[in-house]
N, C-alpha and C. Protein backbone atom coordinates (compact mmCIF):
# COMPACT_ATOMS: atom_id res chain seq x y z
N MET A 1 -11.97 -1.84 36.97
CA MET A 1 -10.80 -1.30 36.23
C MET A 1 -9.76 -2.63 36.51
N ALA A 2 -9.35 -2.72 34.76
CA ALA A 2 -7.92 -3.48 35.09
C ALA A 2 -6.89 -2.88 34.54
N HIS A 3 -6.69 -2.00 35.46
CA HIS A 3 -5.57 -1.67 35.46
C HIS A 3 -5.06 -0.92 37.09
N GLY A 4 -3.23 -1.28 37.15
CA GLY A 4 -3.74 -0.49 38.52
C GLY A 4 -3.66 0.83 39.04
N ARG A 5 -2.78 1.27 38.08
CA ARG A 5 -2.96 2.79 38.15
C ARG A 5 -2.93 3.28 36.43
N SER A 6 -3.09 4.24 36.59
CA SER A 6 -3.24 5.42 35.55
C SER A 6 -1.98 6.11 35.02
N GLY A 7 -1.69 6.58 34.34
CA GLY A 7 -0.82 7.28 32.88
C GLY A 7 -1.12 7.67 31.64
N THR A 8 -0.31 8.32 31.09
CA THR A 8 -0.79 8.90 29.98
C THR A 8 0.66 9.30 29.29
N ALA A 9 2.07 9.19 30.31
CA ALA A 9 3.09 9.61 28.89
C ALA A 9 3.46 8.03 28.10
N HIS A 10 2.82 7.15 28.93
CA HIS A 10 3.01 5.73 28.28
C HIS A 10 1.84 5.86 26.86
N LYS A 11 0.95 6.45 26.72
CA LYS A 11 0.11 6.07 26.35
C LYS A 11 0.55 6.78 24.50
N VAL A 12 1.30 8.38 25.08
CA VAL A 12 1.27 9.48 24.01
C VAL A 12 2.66 8.75 23.48
N VAL A 13 4.18 8.00 24.41
CA VAL A 13 5.13 7.42 23.03
C VAL A 13 4.70 6.66 22.82
N SER A 14 3.44 5.54 23.08
CA SER A 14 2.86 4.35 22.21
C SER A 14 2.25 5.11 20.87
N VAL A 15 1.63 5.83 21.05
CA VAL A 15 1.12 6.79 19.41
C VAL A 15 2.06 7.19 18.44
N LEU A 16 3.36 8.01 19.07
CA LEU A 16 4.28 8.19 18.37
C LEU A 16 5.06 7.42 17.85
N LEU A 17 5.60 6.15 18.43
CA LEU A 17 6.18 4.40 18.15
C LEU A 17 5.56 4.24 17.26
N ARG A 18 3.57 3.99 17.10
CA ARG A 18 3.05 3.37 15.93
C ARG A 18 3.36 4.40 14.85
N LEU A 19 2.73 5.92 15.00
CA LEU A 19 3.01 6.34 13.97
C LEU A 19 4.78 6.52 12.94
N GLY A 20 5.06 6.19 13.44
CA GLY A 20 6.69 5.95 13.11
C GLY A 20 6.83 4.70 12.22
N GLU A 21 6.22 3.38 13.08
CA GLU A 21 6.60 2.46 12.76
C GLU A 21 5.48 2.67 11.65
N LEU A 22 4.02 2.96 11.48
CA LEU A 22 3.41 3.17 10.15
C LEU A 22 4.58 3.78 8.80
N ALA A 23 4.63 5.05 8.98
CA ALA A 23 5.76 5.83 8.32
C ALA A 23 6.55 5.34 7.66
N SER A 24 6.91 4.64 8.36
CA SER A 24 8.32 3.95 8.02
C SER A 24 7.93 2.82 6.56
N ALA A 25 6.67 1.77 7.27
CA ALA A 25 6.60 0.58 6.46
C ALA A 25 5.62 1.06 5.55
N VAL A 26 4.92 2.47 4.98
CA VAL A 26 4.54 2.87 4.01
C VAL A 26 5.66 3.08 3.16
N ILE A 27 6.41 4.33 3.74
CA ILE A 27 7.45 4.42 2.91
C ILE A 27 8.39 3.36 2.17
N VAL A 28 8.48 2.68 2.91
CA VAL A 28 9.40 1.18 2.38
C VAL A 28 8.67 0.72 1.46
N LEU A 29 7.61 0.30 1.61
CA LEU A 29 6.52 -0.08 0.93
C LEU A 29 6.21 0.09 -0.14
N ALA A 30 6.14 1.29 -0.72
CA ALA A 30 5.43 2.52 -1.55
C ALA A 30 6.66 2.15 -2.30
N ILE A 31 8.21 2.69 -2.17
CA ILE A 31 9.28 2.51 -3.27
C ILE A 31 9.73 1.26 -3.36
N LEU A 32 9.21 -0.12 -2.76
CA LEU A 32 10.02 -1.44 -3.30
C LEU A 32 8.75 -1.64 -4.25
N SER A 33 6.99 -1.16 -4.10
CA SER A 33 5.90 -1.63 -4.53
C SER A 33 6.38 -1.00 -5.93
N ARG A 34 6.84 0.22 -5.97
CA ARG A 34 7.06 0.52 -6.86
C ARG A 34 8.23 0.71 -8.38
N PHE A 35 9.37 -0.46 -7.78
CA PHE A 35 10.55 -0.81 -8.14
C PHE A 35 9.83 -1.93 -8.66
N CYS A 36 9.38 -3.17 -8.63
CA CYS A 36 8.22 -4.11 -8.98
C CYS A 36 7.87 -3.82 -9.91
N TYR A 37 6.69 -2.92 -10.08
CA TYR A 37 6.02 -2.27 -11.14
C TYR A 37 6.90 -1.76 -12.47
N LEU A 38 8.05 -1.14 -12.42
CA LEU A 38 8.56 -1.23 -13.17
C LEU A 38 9.64 -2.36 -14.22
N ILE A 39 10.03 -3.29 -12.87
CA ILE A 39 10.16 -4.06 -13.68
C ILE A 39 9.66 -5.37 -13.95
N SER A 40 8.27 -4.98 -14.01
CA SER A 40 7.01 -6.20 -14.66
C SER A 40 6.93 -5.30 -15.77
N ILE A 41 7.17 -4.03 -16.41
CA ILE A 41 7.00 -3.38 -16.88
C ILE A 41 8.21 -3.93 -18.07
N ALA A 42 9.56 -4.01 -17.66
CA ALA A 42 10.83 -4.75 -18.57
C ALA A 42 10.77 -5.87 -18.52
N GLU A 43 9.77 -6.71 -17.61
CA GLU A 43 9.77 -8.35 -17.98
C GLU A 43 10.57 -8.85 -17.35
N GLU A 44 11.34 -8.44 -16.00
CA GLU A 44 12.32 -8.77 -15.06
C GLU A 44 11.50 -8.82 -13.92
N THR A 45 12.68 -10.72 -13.33
CA THR A 45 12.07 -11.38 -12.30
C THR A 45 12.41 -10.05 -11.06
N ALA A 46 11.28 -10.69 -9.76
CA ALA A 46 11.19 -9.73 -8.87
C ALA A 46 12.40 -10.57 -7.67
N ASP A 47 13.97 -9.69 -7.17
CA ASP A 47 14.74 -10.17 -6.11
C ASP A 47 13.84 -10.76 -5.38
N GLY A 48 13.85 -12.02 -4.86
CA GLY A 48 13.42 -12.59 -3.71
C GLY A 48 13.20 -12.28 -2.33
N ARG A 49 14.82 -10.77 -1.82
CA ARG A 49 14.82 -10.45 -0.74
C ARG A 49 14.06 -9.32 -0.85
N ILE A 50 13.59 -8.55 -1.84
CA ILE A 50 12.71 -7.42 -1.97
C ILE A 50 11.29 -7.88 -1.77
N ILE A 51 10.56 -9.40 -2.69
CA ILE A 51 9.51 -9.38 -1.98
C ILE A 51 9.13 -9.51 -0.48
N TYR A 52 9.97 -10.20 0.53
CA TYR A 52 9.75 -10.58 1.32
C TYR A 52 9.88 -9.38 2.46
N ALA A 53 10.56 -8.19 1.75
CA ALA A 53 10.81 -6.93 2.92
C ALA A 53 9.17 -6.29 2.49
N MET A 54 8.76 -6.17 0.92
CA MET A 54 7.76 -5.65 0.63
C MET A 54 6.90 -6.39 1.32
N VAL A 55 6.56 -8.06 1.83
CA VAL A 55 5.80 -8.68 2.22
C VAL A 55 6.06 -8.08 4.48
N VAL A 56 7.05 -8.15 4.97
CA VAL A 56 6.94 -7.02 6.02
C VAL A 56 6.06 -6.15 6.24
N ALA A 57 6.85 -5.07 4.90
CA ALA A 57 6.51 -3.69 5.08
C ALA A 57 5.16 -3.76 4.86
N GLY A 58 3.86 -4.56 4.52
CA GLY A 58 2.43 -4.90 4.09
C GLY A 58 2.22 -5.39 5.45
N ILE A 59 2.58 -6.07 6.45
CA ILE A 59 2.12 -6.94 7.38
C ILE A 59 2.78 -5.23 8.55
N GLY A 60 3.38 -4.91 8.08
CA GLY A 60 3.94 -3.96 9.27
C GLY A 60 3.10 -2.45 9.07
N THR A 61 2.51 -2.59 8.34
CA THR A 61 1.63 -1.23 7.51
C THR A 61 0.30 -1.43 9.00
N ILE A 62 -0.49 -2.91 7.97
CA ILE A 62 -1.22 -2.81 8.76
C ILE A 62 -1.72 -3.26 10.79
N TYR A 63 -0.57 -3.54 11.26
CA TYR A 63 -0.14 -3.84 12.21
C TYR A 63 -0.48 -2.79 13.23
N SER A 64 0.58 -1.85 12.34
CA SER A 64 0.65 -0.22 12.89
C SER A 64 -0.78 0.37 13.06
N PHE A 65 -0.83 0.19 11.73
CA PHE A 65 -2.03 1.46 11.68
C PHE A 65 -3.22 0.84 12.73
N PHE A 66 -3.89 -0.50 13.16
CA PHE A 66 -4.96 -1.30 14.10
C PHE A 66 -4.34 -0.91 15.55
N LEU A 67 -3.16 -1.23 15.48
CA LEU A 67 -2.78 -0.70 17.11
C LEU A 67 -2.41 0.63 17.57
N CYS A 68 -2.65 1.73 16.52
CA CYS A 68 -2.17 2.76 17.01
C CYS A 68 -2.85 3.79 18.29
N PRO A 69 -4.40 3.40 18.26
CA PRO A 69 -4.91 3.87 19.26
C PRO A 69 -4.57 3.86 20.98
N PRO A 70 -4.31 5.13 21.58
CA PRO A 70 -3.79 4.40 22.99
C PRO A 70 -4.75 4.10 24.11
N PHE A 71 -4.92 2.60 23.72
CA PHE A 71 -5.63 1.93 24.94
C PHE A 71 -4.66 0.84 25.71
N THR A 72 -5.03 1.26 27.00
CA THR A 72 -3.88 0.60 27.61
C THR A 72 -3.74 -1.17 27.44
N SER A 73 -5.32 -1.58 26.79
CA SER A 73 -5.19 -3.50 26.72
C SER A 73 -4.89 -3.42 25.18
N LEU A 74 -4.17 -2.32 24.15
CA LEU A 74 -3.71 -3.14 23.42
C LEU A 74 -1.99 -2.85 23.16
N PHE A 75 -2.26 -2.97 24.78
CA PHE A 75 -0.36 -3.26 25.27
C PHE A 75 -0.21 -4.56 25.08
N LEU A 76 -1.17 -5.07 25.39
CA LEU A 76 -0.84 -6.76 25.13
C LEU A 76 -0.29 -7.22 24.09
N SER A 77 -0.37 -6.82 23.20
CA SER A 77 0.03 -6.99 22.10
C SER A 77 1.55 -7.17 22.06
N PHE A 78 2.36 -6.83 22.59
CA PHE A 78 3.84 -6.57 22.73
C PHE A 78 4.25 -7.35 22.33
N PRO A 79 4.17 -8.80 22.71
CA PRO A 79 4.65 -10.16 21.75
C PRO A 79 5.01 -9.62 20.70
N PHE A 80 3.72 -9.19 19.66
CA PHE A 80 3.81 -9.32 17.96
C PHE A 80 4.95 -8.16 17.55
N ASP A 81 4.83 -7.61 18.55
CA ASP A 81 6.13 -6.26 18.18
C ASP A 81 7.30 -6.57 17.89
N PHE A 82 7.74 -8.54 19.06
CA PHE A 82 8.86 -8.48 19.03
C PHE A 82 9.37 -8.99 17.49
N VAL A 83 8.22 -10.08 17.69
CA VAL A 83 8.00 -10.82 16.00
C VAL A 83 7.75 -9.51 15.13
N LEU A 84 7.45 -8.49 14.36
CA LEU A 84 7.96 -7.38 13.78
C LEU A 84 9.51 -7.29 13.25
N PHE A 85 9.35 -7.15 14.63
CA PHE A 85 11.17 -6.45 15.23
C PHE A 85 12.52 -7.48 14.56
N VAL A 86 11.97 -8.84 14.24
CA VAL A 86 12.75 -9.74 14.45
C VAL A 86 12.59 -9.72 12.51
N MET A 87 11.59 -9.56 12.25
CA MET A 87 11.04 -9.72 10.63
C MET A 87 11.82 -8.85 10.23
N TRP A 88 11.60 -7.38 10.61
CA TRP A 88 12.12 -6.30 9.98
C TRP A 88 13.58 -5.94 10.31
N LEU A 89 14.30 -6.82 11.55
CA LEU A 89 15.31 -6.83 11.03
C LEU A 89 16.42 -7.88 9.88
N VAL A 90 15.56 -8.80 10.02
CA VAL A 90 16.19 -9.94 8.78
C VAL A 90 15.85 -8.85 7.49
N ALA A 91 14.74 -8.63 7.31
CA ALA A 91 14.76 -8.06 5.59
C ALA A 91 15.54 -6.69 5.41
N TYR A 92 16.26 -5.99 7.05
CA TYR A 92 17.14 -5.04 6.96
C TYR A 92 18.34 -5.57 6.25
N CYS A 93 18.37 -6.44 7.30
CA CYS A 93 20.05 -7.53 6.58
C CYS A 93 19.63 -8.02 5.51
N LEU A 94 18.67 -8.78 4.74
CA LEU A 94 18.89 -9.04 3.39
C LEU A 94 19.19 -7.99 2.73
N LEU A 95 18.72 -7.22 2.97
CA LEU A 95 18.41 -5.74 1.85
C LEU A 95 20.02 -5.09 1.55
N GLN A 96 20.93 -5.05 3.23
CA GLN A 96 21.79 -4.52 3.26
C GLN A 96 22.89 -5.40 2.48
N THR A 97 22.99 -6.45 2.55
CA THR A 97 23.90 -7.23 1.65
C THR A 97 23.62 -7.68 0.58
N GLU A 98 22.68 -6.63 0.20
CA GLU A 98 22.66 -6.33 -1.46
C GLU A 98 23.29 -5.94 -2.02
N THR A 99 23.95 -5.01 -1.60
CA THR A 99 25.03 -4.03 -1.94
C THR A 99 25.92 -3.57 -1.05
N GLY A 100 26.03 -4.40 0.21
CA GLY A 100 27.39 -3.94 1.32
C GLY A 100 27.75 -3.29 1.44
N GLY A 101 29.01 -2.67 2.04
CA GLY A 101 29.12 -1.13 2.15
C GLY A 101 29.18 -0.69 0.81
N HIS A 102 29.02 -0.76 -0.29
CA HIS A 102 29.31 0.04 -1.93
C HIS A 102 27.59 0.27 -2.11
N THR A 103 27.40 0.92 -1.32
CA THR A 103 25.56 1.42 -1.43
C THR A 103 25.32 1.57 -2.95
N CYS A 104 25.78 2.50 -3.45
CA CYS A 104 25.42 2.64 -4.77
C CYS A 104 26.45 2.82 -5.64
N SER A 105 27.33 1.64 -5.65
CA SER A 105 28.28 1.40 -6.71
C SER A 105 28.50 0.21 -6.47
N ALA A 106 27.78 -0.76 -5.67
CA ALA A 106 27.69 -2.39 -6.43
C ALA A 106 27.05 -2.85 -7.78
N GLY A 107 27.65 -3.82 -7.99
CA GLY A 107 27.32 -4.20 -9.20
C GLY A 107 25.62 -4.27 -9.01
N TRP A 108 25.22 -4.43 -8.00
CA TRP A 108 23.95 -5.62 -8.40
C TRP A 108 22.96 -3.97 -8.17
N TYR A 109 23.02 -2.85 -7.53
CA TYR A 109 22.99 -2.12 -7.28
C TYR A 109 22.76 -1.30 -9.00
N TYR A 110 24.17 -1.38 -9.57
CA TYR A 110 24.50 -0.92 -10.70
C TYR A 110 23.47 -1.14 -12.12
N ASN A 111 23.39 -2.94 -11.57
CA ASN A 111 22.66 -3.22 -13.00
C ASN A 111 21.66 -4.15 -12.82
N TYR A 112 20.99 -3.80 -11.64
CA TYR A 112 19.52 -4.31 -11.11
C TYR A 112 18.60 -3.24 -10.73
N TRP A 113 18.78 -2.52 -9.90
CA TRP A 113 18.21 -1.91 -8.87
C TRP A 113 18.39 -0.02 -10.08
N GLY A 114 19.48 0.30 -9.96
CA GLY A 114 19.18 1.42 -10.70
C GLY A 114 19.01 1.92 -12.09
N TYR A 115 19.34 0.15 -12.72
CA TYR A 115 18.96 -0.12 -14.13
C TYR A 115 17.60 0.17 -14.19
N ASN A 116 16.89 -0.38 -13.56
CA ASN A 116 15.31 -0.71 -13.63
C ASN A 116 14.34 0.28 -13.42
N LEU A 117 15.33 0.83 -12.27
CA LEU A 117 14.18 2.28 -11.68
C LEU A 117 14.47 3.32 -12.59
N GLY A 118 15.73 3.35 -12.80
CA GLY A 118 15.76 4.31 -13.89
C GLY A 118 15.33 4.42 -15.53
N ARG A 119 14.91 3.14 -15.39
CA ARG A 119 14.32 2.54 -16.68
C ARG A 119 15.52 2.69 -18.27
N PHE A 120 16.41 2.09 -17.58
CA PHE A 120 17.39 2.47 -18.61
C PHE A 120 17.36 0.82 -19.79
N TRP A 121 16.77 -0.20 -19.42
CA TRP A 121 16.17 -0.64 -20.31
C TRP A 121 15.49 -0.17 -21.88
N ARG A 122 15.01 0.94 -21.67
CA ARG A 122 14.73 1.78 -22.86
C ARG A 122 15.84 2.33 -23.55
N VAL A 123 16.93 2.25 -22.94
CA VAL A 123 17.78 2.87 -23.64
C VAL A 123 18.98 1.93 -24.49
N GLY A 124 19.09 0.95 -23.60
CA GLY A 124 20.52 -0.15 -24.20
C GLY A 124 20.03 -1.05 -22.94
N PRO A 125 20.58 -2.13 -23.43
CA PRO A 125 20.94 -3.68 -22.45
C PRO A 125 22.03 -2.92 -21.23
N ILE A 126 21.59 -4.05 -20.31
CA ILE A 126 22.90 -4.20 -19.23
C ILE A 126 24.14 -4.28 -19.31
N GLY A 127 24.98 -2.65 -18.36
CA GLY A 127 26.81 -2.85 -18.99
C GLY A 127 26.88 -1.50 -20.45
N THR A 128 25.60 -1.42 -21.28
CA THR A 128 26.40 -0.66 -22.10
C THR A 128 25.30 0.75 -21.99
N VAL A 129 25.08 1.58 -20.87
CA VAL A 129 24.33 2.22 -20.35
C VAL A 129 24.86 3.04 -19.17
N THR A 130 24.94 3.95 -18.87
CA THR A 130 26.04 4.98 -17.76
C THR A 130 24.31 5.20 -16.54
N ILE A 131 24.33 4.63 -15.45
CA ILE A 131 23.22 4.85 -15.06
C ILE A 131 23.16 6.43 -14.08
N ASN A 132 24.34 6.67 -13.70
CA ASN A 132 24.67 8.13 -12.79
C ASN A 132 24.10 8.42 -11.39
N GLY A 133 23.66 7.07 -10.96
CA GLY A 133 22.85 7.43 -9.74
C GLY A 133 22.19 6.81 -9.73
N ALA A 134 20.90 6.84 -10.54
CA ALA A 134 19.78 6.20 -11.09
C ALA A 134 19.10 5.84 -9.58
N GLY A 135 18.17 6.26 -9.04
CA GLY A 135 17.59 4.75 -7.58
C GLY A 135 18.07 5.32 -6.85
N CYS A 136 19.48 6.00 -6.53
CA CYS A 136 20.78 6.14 -5.21
C CYS A 136 19.72 6.35 -3.78
N ALA A 137 19.31 6.93 -3.98
CA ALA A 137 18.16 8.30 -2.80
C ALA A 137 17.08 7.20 -2.46
N GLU A 138 16.77 6.30 -3.66
CA GLU A 138 15.50 5.89 -2.96
C GLU A 138 16.08 4.32 -2.44
N TRP A 139 17.32 3.60 -2.56
CA TRP A 139 17.52 2.54 -2.45
C TRP A 139 18.15 2.57 -0.66
N ARG A 140 18.78 4.65 -0.67
CA ARG A 140 19.11 4.67 0.55
C ARG A 140 18.05 4.63 1.55
N THR A 141 17.36 5.35 1.54
CA THR A 141 15.49 5.86 1.99
C THR A 141 15.29 4.01 2.60
N VAL A 142 14.87 3.38 1.54
CA VAL A 142 14.66 1.91 1.61
C VAL A 142 15.85 1.18 2.80
N LEU A 143 16.42 1.27 3.07
CA LEU A 143 17.64 0.67 3.77
C LEU A 143 17.29 1.69 5.21
N ALA A 144 17.36 2.28 4.74
CA ALA A 144 17.25 3.58 6.67
C ALA A 144 15.75 3.20 7.10
N PHE A 145 15.12 4.51 6.51
CA PHE A 145 13.73 2.97 6.72
C PHE A 145 13.11 2.01 7.57
N SER A 146 14.48 0.96 6.69
CA SER A 146 14.02 -0.59 7.20
C SER A 146 14.55 -0.85 8.37
N PHE A 147 15.77 0.03 8.34
CA PHE A 147 16.97 0.54 10.14
C PHE A 147 15.35 0.39 10.73
N ILE A 148 14.87 2.03 10.50
CA ILE A 148 14.16 2.44 11.78
C ILE A 148 12.91 1.75 11.99
N ALA A 149 12.52 0.71 11.70
CA ALA A 149 11.58 0.48 11.66
C ALA A 149 11.52 -0.83 12.54
N TRP A 150 12.54 -1.69 12.31
CA TRP A 150 12.65 -2.60 13.34
C TRP A 150 13.81 -1.90 14.88
N PHE A 151 14.00 -0.69 15.04
CA PHE A 151 14.62 -0.22 16.12
C PHE A 151 13.05 0.33 16.65
N LEU A 152 11.84 0.86 16.18
CA LEU A 152 10.76 1.39 16.70
C LEU A 152 9.78 0.16 17.02
N HIS A 153 10.35 -0.76 16.39
CA HIS A 153 9.08 -2.39 17.06
C HIS A 153 10.01 -3.02 17.83
N PHE A 154 11.19 -2.83 18.21
CA PHE A 154 11.55 -3.12 19.46
C PHE A 154 11.58 -2.32 20.64
N THR A 155 11.42 -0.83 20.73
CA THR A 155 11.48 -0.23 21.27
C THR A 155 9.89 -0.21 21.79
N SER A 156 8.61 -0.66 21.04
CA SER A 156 7.64 -0.78 21.19
C SER A 156 6.94 -1.99 22.02
N GLY A 157 8.43 -2.73 21.64
CA GLY A 157 7.53 -4.40 22.40
C GLY A 157 8.70 -3.98 24.01
N ILE A 158 9.28 -2.95 24.53
CA ILE A 158 10.56 -3.10 25.61
C ILE A 158 8.90 -2.01 26.48
N LEU A 159 8.81 -1.20 25.53
CA LEU A 159 7.05 -0.63 26.33
C LEU A 159 6.50 -1.24 26.80
N GLY A 160 5.34 -1.81 25.61
CA GLY A 160 4.93 -3.10 26.42
C GLY A 160 5.09 -3.87 27.21
N VAL A 161 6.36 -4.45 27.57
CA VAL A 161 6.51 -5.10 28.58
C VAL A 161 6.52 -4.23 29.76
N TYR A 162 6.82 -3.10 29.91
CA TYR A 162 7.14 -1.97 30.72
C TYR A 162 5.83 -1.50 31.58
N VAL A 163 5.21 -1.26 30.44
CA VAL A 163 3.49 -1.43 30.38
C VAL A 163 2.68 -2.47 31.50
N PHE A 164 2.80 -3.41 30.67
CA PHE A 164 1.92 -4.81 31.26
C PHE A 164 2.44 -4.78 32.81
N HIS A 165 3.80 -4.57 32.94
CA HIS A 165 3.99 -5.02 34.83
C HIS A 165 3.44 -3.78 35.44
N THR A 166 3.52 -2.39 34.92
CA THR A 166 3.17 -1.80 36.04
C THR A 166 1.57 -0.97 35.85
N TYR A 167 1.22 -1.54 34.83
CA TYR A 167 -0.24 -0.66 34.83
C TYR A 167 -1.40 -1.96 34.85
N ILE A 168 -0.72 -3.14 34.43
CA ILE A 168 -2.11 -3.54 33.64
C ILE A 168 -2.11 -5.49 35.22
N LYS A 169 -3.14 -5.26 34.73
CA LYS A 169 -3.44 -6.20 35.89
C LYS A 169 -3.94 -7.51 35.05
N LEU A 170 -3.81 -8.50 34.53
CA LEU A 170 -4.26 -9.67 33.84
C LEU A 170 -5.91 -10.11 34.15
N ASP A 171 -5.51 -10.60 35.33
CA ASP A 171 -6.87 -11.24 35.68
C ASP A 171 -8.18 -10.02 35.90
N GLU A 172 -7.74 -8.80 36.39
CA GLU A 172 -9.14 -8.06 35.95
C GLU A 172 -9.02 -7.88 34.90
N THR A 173 -7.70 -7.50 33.67
CA THR A 173 -8.69 -7.47 32.32
C THR A 173 -9.46 -8.80 31.45
N VAL A 174 -9.00 -9.74 31.74
CA VAL A 174 -10.07 -11.08 31.34
C VAL A 174 -11.41 -10.42 31.62
N ARG A 175 -11.55 -10.61 33.32
CA ARG A 175 -12.67 -9.95 33.52
C ARG A 175 -13.73 -8.90 32.89
N ASP A 176 -12.66 -7.89 32.72
CA ASP A 176 -13.02 -7.05 32.30
C ASP A 176 -13.79 -7.44 30.29
N ILE A 177 -12.91 -8.01 29.49
CA ILE A 177 -13.05 -8.47 28.25
C ILE A 177 -14.50 -9.31 28.85
N LYS A 178 -14.90 -9.96 29.41
CA LYS A 178 -15.94 -10.95 29.64
C LYS A 178 -16.99 -10.19 29.90
N HIS A 179 -16.84 -8.97 30.76
CA HIS A 179 -18.05 -8.14 31.16
C HIS A 179 -18.61 -7.69 29.67
N HIS A 180 -17.35 -7.08 29.20
CA HIS A 180 -17.79 -6.41 27.69
C HIS A 180 -18.37 -6.96 26.65
N THR A 181 -17.81 -8.04 26.85
CA THR A 181 -18.49 -9.35 25.79
C THR A 181 -19.91 -9.46 25.91
N GLU A 182 -20.12 -9.64 27.29
CA GLU A 182 -21.00 -10.26 27.79
C GLU A 182 -22.17 -8.80 27.23
N LYS A 183 -22.07 -7.89 27.67
CA LYS A 183 -22.89 -6.46 27.28
C LYS A 183 -23.23 -6.47 25.96
N LEU A 184 -22.05 -6.50 25.25
CA LEU A 184 -22.30 -6.46 23.65
C LEU A 184 -23.32 -7.86 23.25
N THR A 185 -23.40 -8.55 23.71
CA THR A 185 -24.21 -9.78 22.97
C THR A 185 -25.65 -10.12 23.75
N LYS A 186 -25.84 -9.01 24.59
CA LYS A 186 -27.71 -8.65 25.12
C LYS A 186 -28.32 -8.22 24.46
N ARG A 187 -29.04 -8.29 24.45
CA ARG A 187 -30.13 -7.70 23.43
C ARG A 187 -30.47 -5.62 23.78
N HIS A 188 -30.81 -5.21 22.71
CA HIS A 188 -31.22 -3.58 23.36
C HIS A 188 -31.89 -3.39 24.31
N PRO A 189 -31.08 -2.56 25.36
CA PRO A 189 -32.25 -2.36 26.96
C PRO A 189 -33.48 -2.00 26.21
N GLN A 190 -33.59 -1.00 25.76
CA GLN A 190 -35.15 -0.36 25.77
C GLN A 190 -36.09 -1.71 25.50
N ALA A 191 -35.45 -2.35 23.98
CA ALA A 191 -36.29 -3.56 23.25
C ALA A 191 -36.68 -4.47 24.47
N HIS A 192 -35.65 -4.49 25.44
CA HIS A 192 -35.55 -5.84 26.49
C HIS A 192 -36.72 -4.99 27.44
N GLY A 193 -36.69 -4.11 27.93
CA GLY A 193 -37.58 -3.86 29.04
C GLY A 193 -39.38 -3.56 28.05
N TYR A 194 -39.17 -2.89 26.72
CA TYR A 194 -41.11 -2.87 26.01
C TYR A 194 -41.32 -4.88 26.54
N GLU A 195 -40.55 -5.21 26.18
CA GLU A 195 -41.23 -6.70 26.16
C GLU A 195 -41.29 -6.77 27.73
N GLN A 196 -40.16 -6.62 28.53
CA GLN A 196 -40.36 -7.16 29.43
C GLN A 196 -41.65 -6.96 30.22
N GLY A 197 -41.88 -5.49 29.95
CA GLY A 197 -42.93 -4.82 30.34
C GLY A 197 -44.54 -5.27 29.82
N ILE A 198 -44.32 -6.09 28.59
CA ILE A 198 -45.97 -6.60 27.94
C ILE A 198 -46.02 -8.30 28.56
N GLU A 199 -44.84 -8.72 28.99
CA GLU A 199 -44.60 -10.00 29.88
C GLU A 199 -45.52 -9.89 31.40
N ASP A 200 -45.00 -8.28 31.67
CA ASP A 200 -45.26 -8.05 32.72
C ASP A 200 -46.98 -7.83 33.29
N GLN A 201 -47.34 -7.49 32.09
CA GLN A 201 -49.32 -7.17 31.90
C GLN A 201 -49.72 -8.86 31.70
N ASN A 202 -49.21 -9.13 30.64
CA ASN A 202 -50.00 -11.06 30.61
C ASN A 202 -49.93 -11.68 31.65
N GLY A 203 -48.88 -10.89 32.78
CA GLY A 203 -48.49 -11.88 33.48
C GLY A 203 -49.78 -11.28 34.81
N ALA A 204 -49.81 -10.49 34.70
CA ALA A 204 -50.89 -9.78 35.82
C ALA A 204 -52.15 -10.19 35.24
N ARG A 205 -52.56 -10.06 34.21
CA ARG A 205 -54.08 -10.48 33.60
C ARG A 205 -54.28 -11.73 33.98
N ASN A 206 -53.28 -12.88 33.83
CA ASN A 206 -53.29 -14.51 34.47
C ASN A 206 -53.05 -14.39 35.72
N THR A 207 -53.29 -13.13 36.43
CA THR A 207 -52.83 -13.93 37.76
C THR A 207 -54.15 -13.03 38.92
N GLN A 208 -55.51 -12.59 37.64
CA GLN A 208 -56.43 -11.30 37.79
C GLN A 208 -57.52 -12.65 38.68
N PRO A 209 -58.24 -12.51 39.58
CA PRO A 209 -59.26 -13.87 40.29
C PRO A 209 -60.69 -13.59 39.22
N ARG A 210 -60.64 -15.16 38.90
CA ARG A 210 -61.84 -15.28 38.40
C ARG A 210 -63.00 -15.34 38.25
N VAL A 211 -64.15 -14.74 38.08
CA VAL A 211 -65.59 -14.57 38.32
C VAL A 211 -66.38 -15.84 38.22
N PRO A 212 -66.63 -16.83 39.13
CA PRO A 212 -67.37 -18.18 38.56
C PRO A 212 -68.72 -17.15 38.69
N THR A 213 -68.87 -18.42 37.44
CA THR A 213 -70.03 -18.79 36.20
C THR A 213 -70.95 -19.26 36.17
N THR A 214 -72.16 -19.14 36.44
CA THR A 214 -73.11 -20.29 36.65
C THR A 214 -73.82 -20.02 35.48
N THR A 215 -74.81 -21.21 35.33
CA THR A 215 -75.49 -21.69 34.61
C THR A 215 -76.78 -21.31 34.58
N VAL A 216 -77.62 -20.78 34.07
CA VAL A 216 -78.96 -20.76 34.07
C VAL A 216 -79.75 -21.31 33.12
N SER A 217 -80.88 -22.00 33.90
CA SER A 217 -81.69 -23.05 32.48
C SER A 217 -83.07 -22.64 33.01
N LEU A 218 -83.45 -22.39 31.75
CA LEU A 218 -84.87 -21.66 31.22
C LEU A 218 -85.70 -22.80 30.75
N TYR A 219 -86.88 -22.92 32.20
CA TYR A 219 -87.97 -23.80 31.16
C TYR A 219 -89.21 -23.80 30.43
N VAL A 220 -89.69 -23.84 29.78
CA VAL A 220 -90.76 -23.58 29.47
C VAL A 220 -91.79 -24.67 29.63
N PHE A 221 -93.06 -23.84 30.07
CA PHE A 221 -94.19 -24.89 30.74
C PHE A 221 -95.05 -24.55 29.32
């Protein structure tokens, strides 16, 4: 075994953290993707900070999905949790600076986010229509789940460090991985046994003593 001790509490906590990370990333990615779809219809350019947040959300979605199973060996990926923690923190800070403390009353929100998310380009140009809080809930949701995402990844990283030092023996883990890899690379045991049986039969035939043969000559008188 590659684990010094066994436990289930850290596995349950890990699954809950991964599900939270996955949900946060999917929500952020869905809202920002819809916004980018709408501004493409309006033939607007996408803000670079929104594009970065979408990339981080996409990476976070894939990462959290594949690392959700509660296998102790997956806790070795905790360095990547700290990487995603930094990436999400940067994304949150970049998005937060778009509106600052004036979340749904800033000029960027009024003239860009709310205007395009509410499809007000069909009504009139910027500055001539009333937004009336369009897209405010979506923007607050993006900020909230971006914050939750970096916090969850930071917590997953701390949990991974704890499990690594408490439950995992690195040298035995490496040996286990090599052992399972060798087992997977071997041929199917039944086929191998069948071939081995044929080889044994052929070997037995080859080792049987040979009966000397004599040549009989017939002479005709």
